[in-house]
N, C-alpha and C. Protein backbone atom coordinates (compact mmCIF):
# COMPACT_ATOMS: atom_id res chain seq x y z
N UNK A 1 -26.38 -5.78 -0.81
CA UNK A 1 -25.25 -5.16 0.26
C UNK A 1 -26.22 -3.97 1.04
N UNK A 2 -26.53 -4.20 1.83
CA UNK A 2 -26.84 -3.09 2.91
C UNK A 2 -26.28 -1.94 2.72
N UNK A 3 -27.18 -1.06 2.84
CA UNK A 3 -26.75 0.45 2.82
C UNK A 3 -26.99 1.19 4.14
N UNK A 4 -26.49 1.79 4.69
CA UNK A 4 -26.21 2.19 5.90
C UNK A 4 -27.26 4.03 5.98
N UNK A 5 -28.09 4.17 6.70
CA UNK A 5 -28.58 5.41 6.78
C UNK A 5 -27.50 6.35 7.73
N UNK A 6 -27.87 7.77 7.52
CA UNK A 6 -27.03 8.51 7.89
C UNK A 6 -27.52 8.66 9.47
N UNK A 7 -26.09 8.39 10.37
CA UNK A 7 -26.08 8.77 11.71
C UNK A 7 -25.26 9.64 11.80
N UNK A 8 -25.76 9.98 13.01
CA UNK A 8 -25.10 11.30 13.78
C UNK A 8 -23.85 10.60 14.49
N UNK A 9 -22.72 11.36 14.84
CA UNK A 9 -21.80 11.02 15.50
C UNK A 9 -22.06 10.32 16.50
N UNK A 10 -22.78 10.61 17.39
CA UNK A 10 -23.02 9.98 18.65
C UNK A 10 -23.82 8.66 18.55
N UNK A 11 -24.52 8.46 17.49
CA UNK A 11 -24.87 7.35 16.82
C UNK A 11 -23.84 6.35 16.73
N UNK A 12 -23.06 6.87 15.42
CA UNK A 12 -21.67 5.93 15.35
C UNK A 12 -20.95 5.51 16.56
N UNK A 13 -20.75 6.52 17.25
CA UNK A 13 -19.74 6.12 18.37
C UNK A 13 -20.39 4.91 19.03
N UNK A 14 -21.99 4.89 19.11
CA UNK A 14 -22.62 3.78 20.10
C UNK A 14 -22.53 2.34 19.25
N UNK A 15 -22.63 2.56 17.52
CA UNK A 15 -22.13 1.40 16.87
C UNK A 15 -20.78 1.16 16.85
N UNK A 16 -20.01 1.60 17.63
CA UNK A 16 -18.34 1.51 17.36
C UNK A 16 -18.16 0.75 18.68
N UNK A 17 -18.88 1.13 19.93
CA UNK A 17 -18.88 0.34 20.99
C UNK A 17 -19.56 -0.69 21.15
N UNK A 18 -20.74 -0.90 20.58
CA UNK A 18 -21.51 -2.23 20.10
C UNK A 18 -20.51 -3.46 19.33
N UNK A 19 -19.88 -2.44 18.86
CA UNK A 19 -18.85 -3.69 17.80
C UNK A 19 -17.57 -4.12 18.86
N UNK A 20 -16.81 -3.35 19.56
CA UNK A 20 -16.03 -3.63 20.44
C UNK A 20 -16.46 -4.68 21.21
N UNK A 21 -17.58 -4.48 22.01
CA UNK A 21 -18.20 -5.37 23.19
C UNK A 21 -18.13 -6.39 21.93
N UNK A 22 -18.80 -6.72 21.06
CA UNK A 22 -19.22 -7.94 20.43
C UNK A 22 -18.48 -8.94 20.07
N UNK A 23 -16.89 -8.48 19.96
CA UNK A 23 -15.64 -9.33 19.39
C UNK A 23 -16.17 -10.03 18.09
N UNK A 24 -16.98 -9.62 17.47
CA UNK A 24 -17.03 -10.12 16.00
C UNK A 24 -16.25 -9.27 15.45
N UNK A 25 -15.65 -9.93 13.96
CA UNK A 25 -14.91 -8.99 12.87
C UNK A 25 -16.34 -7.95 12.38
N UNK A 26 -15.54 -7.10 11.92
CA UNK A 26 -16.49 -5.74 11.05
C UNK A 26 -17.23 -6.52 9.99
N UNK A 27 -16.95 -7.25 9.32
CA UNK A 27 -17.66 -8.07 8.09
C UNK A 27 -19.31 -8.71 9.10
N UNK A 28 -18.66 -9.48 9.83
CA UNK A 28 -19.73 -10.14 10.64
C UNK A 28 -21.26 -9.27 11.26
N UNK A 29 -20.09 -8.25 12.09
CA UNK A 29 -20.95 -7.41 12.83
C UNK A 29 -21.80 -6.52 11.82
N UNK A 30 -21.42 -5.95 10.88
CA UNK A 30 -22.19 -5.29 9.82
C UNK A 30 -23.01 -5.65 9.46
N UNK A 31 -22.49 -6.90 8.86
CA UNK A 31 -24.13 -8.41 8.20
C UNK A 31 -25.15 -8.09 9.20
N UNK A 32 -24.68 -8.67 10.53
CA UNK A 32 -25.67 -8.75 11.57
C UNK A 32 -26.72 -7.32 11.93
N UNK A 33 -25.82 -6.62 11.67
CA UNK A 33 -26.60 -5.07 12.27
C UNK A 33 -27.10 -4.51 11.02
N UNK A 34 -26.83 -4.70 9.84
CA UNK A 34 -27.63 -4.34 8.67
C UNK A 34 -26.95 -3.03 8.28
N UNK A 35 -25.48 -2.76 8.33
CA UNK A 35 -24.79 -1.70 8.24
C UNK A 35 -23.74 -1.76 7.23
N UNK A 36 -23.53 -1.11 6.60
CA UNK A 36 -22.52 -1.04 5.31
C UNK A 36 -21.00 -1.02 6.15
N UNK A 37 -20.16 -2.19 5.42
CA UNK A 37 -18.67 -2.57 6.05
C UNK A 37 -17.99 -1.23 5.74
N UNK A 38 -18.08 -1.00 4.70
CA UNK A 38 -17.24 0.21 4.18
C UNK A 38 -17.35 1.34 4.84
N UNK A 39 -18.77 1.77 5.10
CA UNK A 39 -18.93 3.25 5.62
C UNK A 39 -19.04 2.92 7.27
N UNK A 40 -19.17 1.83 8.08
CA UNK A 40 -18.68 1.51 9.27
C UNK A 40 -17.19 1.61 9.46
N UNK A 41 -16.62 0.78 8.75
CA UNK A 41 -14.78 1.11 8.63
C UNK A 41 -14.09 2.31 8.45
N UNK A 42 -15.28 3.18 7.71
CA UNK A 42 -14.58 4.36 7.51
C UNK A 42 -14.72 5.41 9.07
N UNK A 43 -15.69 5.06 9.34
CA UNK A 43 -16.35 5.76 10.48
C UNK A 43 -15.02 5.18 12.12
N UNK A 44 -15.14 3.91 11.76
CA UNK A 44 -14.18 3.54 12.99
C UNK A 44 -12.76 4.04 12.88
N UNK A 45 -12.21 3.67 11.71
CA UNK A 45 -10.77 4.10 11.06
C UNK A 45 -10.99 5.51 11.89
N UNK A 46 -11.51 6.73 11.84
CA UNK A 46 -11.59 8.22 12.23
C UNK A 46 -11.97 8.44 13.69
N UNK A 47 -12.35 7.24 14.18
CA UNK A 47 -12.69 7.14 15.84
C UNK A 47 -11.81 7.13 16.47
N UNK A 48 -11.81 7.76 17.87
CA UNK A 48 -10.98 7.79 18.95
C UNK A 48 -10.49 6.32 19.36
N UNK A 49 -11.42 5.64 18.93
CA UNK A 49 -11.46 3.98 19.49
C UNK A 49 -10.71 3.11 18.61
N UNK A 50 -10.25 3.40 17.72
CA UNK A 50 -9.61 2.79 16.78
C UNK A 50 -8.66 2.08 17.23
N UNK A 51 -8.48 0.80 17.03
CA UNK A 51 -6.84 0.30 17.81
C UNK A 51 -5.90 -0.41 16.88
N UNK A 52 -6.10 0.03 15.45
CA UNK A 52 -4.98 -0.44 14.45
C UNK A 52 -4.28 0.92 14.47
N UNK A 53 -3.74 0.95 12.88
CA UNK A 53 -2.49 1.99 12.89
C UNK A 53 -3.30 2.66 11.76
N UNK A 54 -3.10 4.12 11.74
CA UNK A 54 -3.58 4.78 10.97
C UNK A 54 -2.18 5.18 9.80
N UNK A 55 -2.76 5.82 8.49
CA UNK A 55 -1.83 6.25 7.61
C UNK A 55 -1.52 7.54 7.79
N UNK A 56 -0.26 7.77 7.81
CA UNK A 56 0.12 9.34 7.68
C UNK A 56 -0.83 10.18 6.71
N UNK A 57 -1.41 11.65 7.16
CA UNK A 57 -2.13 11.99 5.86
C UNK A 57 -0.60 12.69 5.14
N UNK A 58 -1.34 12.50 3.52
CA UNK A 58 -0.28 13.04 2.71
C UNK A 58 -0.40 14.23 2.19
N UNK A 59 0.54 14.67 2.12
CA UNK A 59 0.43 16.17 1.59
C UNK A 59 0.73 16.56 0.02
N UNK A 60 -0.38 16.95 -0.16
CA UNK A 60 -0.77 17.61 -1.67
C UNK A 60 1.11 17.72 -2.43
N UNK A 61 1.66 18.50 -2.01
CA UNK A 61 2.82 18.79 -2.79
C UNK A 61 3.68 17.29 -2.67
N UNK A 62 3.84 16.34 -1.91
CA UNK A 62 4.34 15.14 -2.05
C UNK A 62 3.69 13.84 -2.69
N UNK A 63 2.53 13.91 -3.27
CA UNK A 63 1.77 12.86 -4.07
C UNK A 63 2.26 12.81 -5.37
N UNK A 64 2.71 11.21 -5.29
CA UNK A 64 3.22 10.68 -6.35
C UNK A 64 2.45 9.84 -7.23
N UNK A 65 1.86 9.68 -8.20
CA UNK A 65 1.76 8.36 -8.71
C UNK A 65 1.93 7.13 -8.55
N UNK A 66 1.71 6.30 -8.52
CA UNK A 66 2.02 4.80 -8.10
C UNK A 66 2.47 4.60 -9.31
N UNK A 67 3.38 3.75 -9.25
CA UNK A 67 4.26 3.21 -10.31
C UNK A 67 5.18 1.94 -10.08
N UNK A 68 4.88 1.13 -10.99
CA UNK A 68 5.97 -0.15 -10.82
C UNK A 68 7.18 0.54 -11.35
N UNK A 69 7.52 1.27 -11.81
CA UNK A 69 8.93 1.61 -12.34
C UNK A 69 9.40 2.61 -10.86
N UNK A 70 10.98 2.33 -10.50
CA UNK A 70 11.23 2.72 -9.41
C UNK A 70 12.36 3.60 -9.75
N UNK A 71 13.03 4.95 -9.52
CA UNK A 71 14.02 5.43 -10.05
C UNK A 71 15.28 4.83 -9.17
N UNK A 72 16.34 5.07 -9.81
CA UNK A 72 17.67 4.43 -9.58
C UNK A 72 18.42 5.12 -9.11
N UNK A 73 19.24 5.22 -8.06
CA UNK A 73 20.27 6.35 -7.70
C UNK A 73 21.67 5.73 -7.95
N UNK A 74 22.37 6.53 -8.87
CA UNK A 74 23.70 5.83 -9.35
C UNK A 74 24.82 6.53 -8.30
N UNK A 75 25.62 5.38 -8.03
CA UNK A 75 26.05 5.50 -6.93
C UNK A 75 28.05 5.57 -7.71
N UNK A 76 28.94 6.19 -6.95
CA UNK A 76 30.07 6.48 -7.78
C UNK A 76 30.85 5.07 -7.59
N UNK A 77 30.70 4.65 -9.03
CA UNK A 77 31.71 2.88 -9.10
C UNK A 77 32.43 3.09 -10.44
N UNK A 78 32.94 2.40 -10.51
CA UNK A 78 34.10 2.17 -11.63
C UNK A 78 33.27 2.28 -12.59
N UNK A 79 33.88 2.91 -13.79
CA UNK A 79 33.52 3.25 -14.97
C UNK A 79 33.24 1.76 -16.05
N UNK A 80 32.58 1.33 -16.55
CA UNK A 80 32.82 0.53 -17.63
C UNK A 80 33.24 1.23 -18.77
N UNK A 81 33.63 0.27 -19.56
CA UNK A 81 34.22 0.26 -20.90
C UNK A 81 33.01 1.05 -21.64
N UNK A 82 33.35 2.45 -22.18
CA UNK A 82 32.44 2.88 -23.15
C UNK A 82 31.63 2.39 -24.26
N UNK A 83 32.35 1.07 -24.67
CA UNK A 83 31.74 0.41 -26.01
C UNK A 83 30.54 -0.86 -25.42
N UNK A 84 30.81 -0.94 -24.32
CA UNK A 84 29.37 -1.31 -23.76
C UNK A 84 28.08 -1.08 -23.79
N UNK A 85 27.27 -1.51 -24.18
CA UNK A 85 26.10 -0.88 -24.49
C UNK A 85 24.81 -2.05 -24.61
N UNK A 86 25.46 -3.03 -23.72
CA UNK A 86 24.12 -3.94 -23.90
C UNK A 86 23.59 -3.99 -22.46
N UNK A 87 22.01 -4.40 -22.45
CA UNK A 87 21.15 -4.24 -21.70
C UNK A 87 21.46 -5.48 -20.50
N UNK A 88 20.83 -5.76 -19.64
CA UNK A 88 20.88 -6.83 -18.55
C UNK A 88 19.48 -6.96 -18.16
N UNK A 89 18.66 -8.24 -18.72
CA UNK A 89 17.58 -8.65 -18.32
C UNK A 89 17.48 -9.95 -17.41
N UNK A 90 16.58 -9.40 -16.09
CA UNK A 90 16.50 -10.52 -15.58
C UNK A 90 15.12 -10.78 -15.45
N UNK A 91 14.63 -12.44 -15.51
CA UNK A 91 13.21 -12.53 -15.50
C UNK A 91 12.96 -13.17 -13.96
N UNK A 92 12.15 -12.58 -13.65
CA UNK A 92 11.53 -13.36 -12.07
C UNK A 92 10.34 -13.72 -11.82
N UNK A 93 10.30 -15.22 -12.18
CA UNK A 93 9.10 -15.73 -12.03
C UNK A 93 8.40 -15.40 -13.23
N UNK A 94 7.05 -15.64 -13.44
CA UNK A 94 6.30 -15.57 -14.99
C UNK A 94 5.87 -14.01 -15.07
N UNK A 95 5.81 -13.19 -14.07
CA UNK A 95 5.61 -11.81 -14.41
C UNK A 95 6.50 -10.54 -14.48
N UNK A 96 7.46 -10.58 -13.60
CA UNK A 96 8.45 -9.90 -13.49
C UNK A 96 9.39 -9.76 -14.55
N UNK A 97 10.10 -8.77 -14.92
CA UNK A 97 10.92 -8.68 -16.13
C UNK A 97 11.69 -7.49 -16.23
N UNK A 98 12.79 -7.52 -15.49
CA UNK A 98 13.78 -6.18 -14.84
C UNK A 98 15.08 -5.94 -16.02
N UNK A 99 14.99 -4.95 -16.33
CA UNK A 99 15.72 -4.78 -17.71
C UNK A 99 16.14 -3.46 -17.61
N UNK A 100 17.68 -3.15 -17.22
CA UNK A 100 18.34 -2.26 -17.47
C UNK A 100 19.63 -2.01 -18.14
N UNK A 101 20.20 -1.01 -18.00
CA UNK A 101 21.46 -0.83 -18.96
C UNK A 101 22.52 -1.76 -18.25
N UNK A 102 23.79 -2.19 -18.90
CA UNK A 102 24.62 -2.54 -18.19
C UNK A 102 25.48 -1.57 -17.10
N UNK A 103 25.64 -0.67 -17.54
CA UNK A 103 26.28 0.23 -17.14
C UNK A 103 25.64 0.51 -15.75
N UNK A 104 24.52 0.20 -15.29
CA UNK A 104 23.72 0.18 -13.77
C UNK A 104 24.84 -0.51 -12.97
N UNK A 105 24.90 0.15 -11.57
CA UNK A 105 25.47 -0.53 -11.07
C UNK A 105 24.80 -2.05 -10.09
N UNK A 106 25.86 -3.10 -10.05
CA UNK A 106 25.54 -4.10 -9.47
C UNK A 106 24.41 -4.10 -8.22
N UNK A 107 24.96 -3.05 -7.41
CA UNK A 107 24.46 -2.72 -5.93
C UNK A 107 22.77 -2.31 -6.47
N UNK A 108 22.79 -1.49 -7.41
CA UNK A 108 21.62 -1.36 -7.79
C UNK A 108 20.16 -2.29 -8.22
N UNK A 109 21.22 -3.05 -9.40
CA UNK A 109 20.29 -4.49 -9.99
C UNK A 109 20.18 -5.25 -8.58
N UNK A 110 20.66 -5.36 -7.83
CA UNK A 110 20.34 -6.47 -6.90
C UNK A 110 19.43 -5.82 -5.69
N UNK A 111 19.46 -4.22 -5.52
CA UNK A 111 18.23 -3.70 -4.92
C UNK A 111 17.05 -4.00 -5.37
N UNK A 112 16.73 -3.66 -6.77
CA UNK A 112 15.80 -3.94 -7.52
C UNK A 112 15.12 -5.03 -7.52
N UNK A 113 15.94 -6.13 -7.61
CA UNK A 113 15.53 -7.68 -7.92
C UNK A 113 14.72 -8.09 -6.63
N UNK A 114 15.51 -7.82 -5.23
CA UNK A 114 15.11 -7.95 -4.14
C UNK A 114 13.55 -7.37 -4.10
N UNK A 115 13.43 -6.17 -4.34
CA UNK A 115 11.92 -5.51 -4.44
C UNK A 115 11.00 -6.13 -5.41
N UNK A 116 11.24 -6.39 -6.35
CA UNK A 116 10.32 -7.01 -7.38
C UNK A 116 9.81 -8.46 -6.98
N UNK A 117 11.10 -9.12 -5.88
CA UNK A 117 10.58 -10.46 -5.34
C UNK A 117 9.71 -10.40 -4.13
N UNK A 118 9.52 -9.05 -3.67
CA UNK A 118 8.92 -9.09 -2.39
C UNK A 118 7.14 -8.50 -2.41
């Protein structure tokens, strides 16, 4: 993998101009010019010439670790018989198993099932 030498902001700006004019993909352009695609992509995303979408910066207070588990907000629903303590288990394909208490509302189960399938 080619490594990129350190360039000034003006030099990166010139590389980005050449890339935009070339009509090539980032991978092809970087391979042809001997640049690291990852370093180039980082500079391109941060430039004013970037035509894609940027993620909004995350605030440190709201950072949440990624997890496959989703919290369920319970809505006011009719209460089930207190003696019911069975679990509902749904298998979605080979990789996903959704297991929750039978007391969870059907709307929450449907929402989780749809989210797991996407």
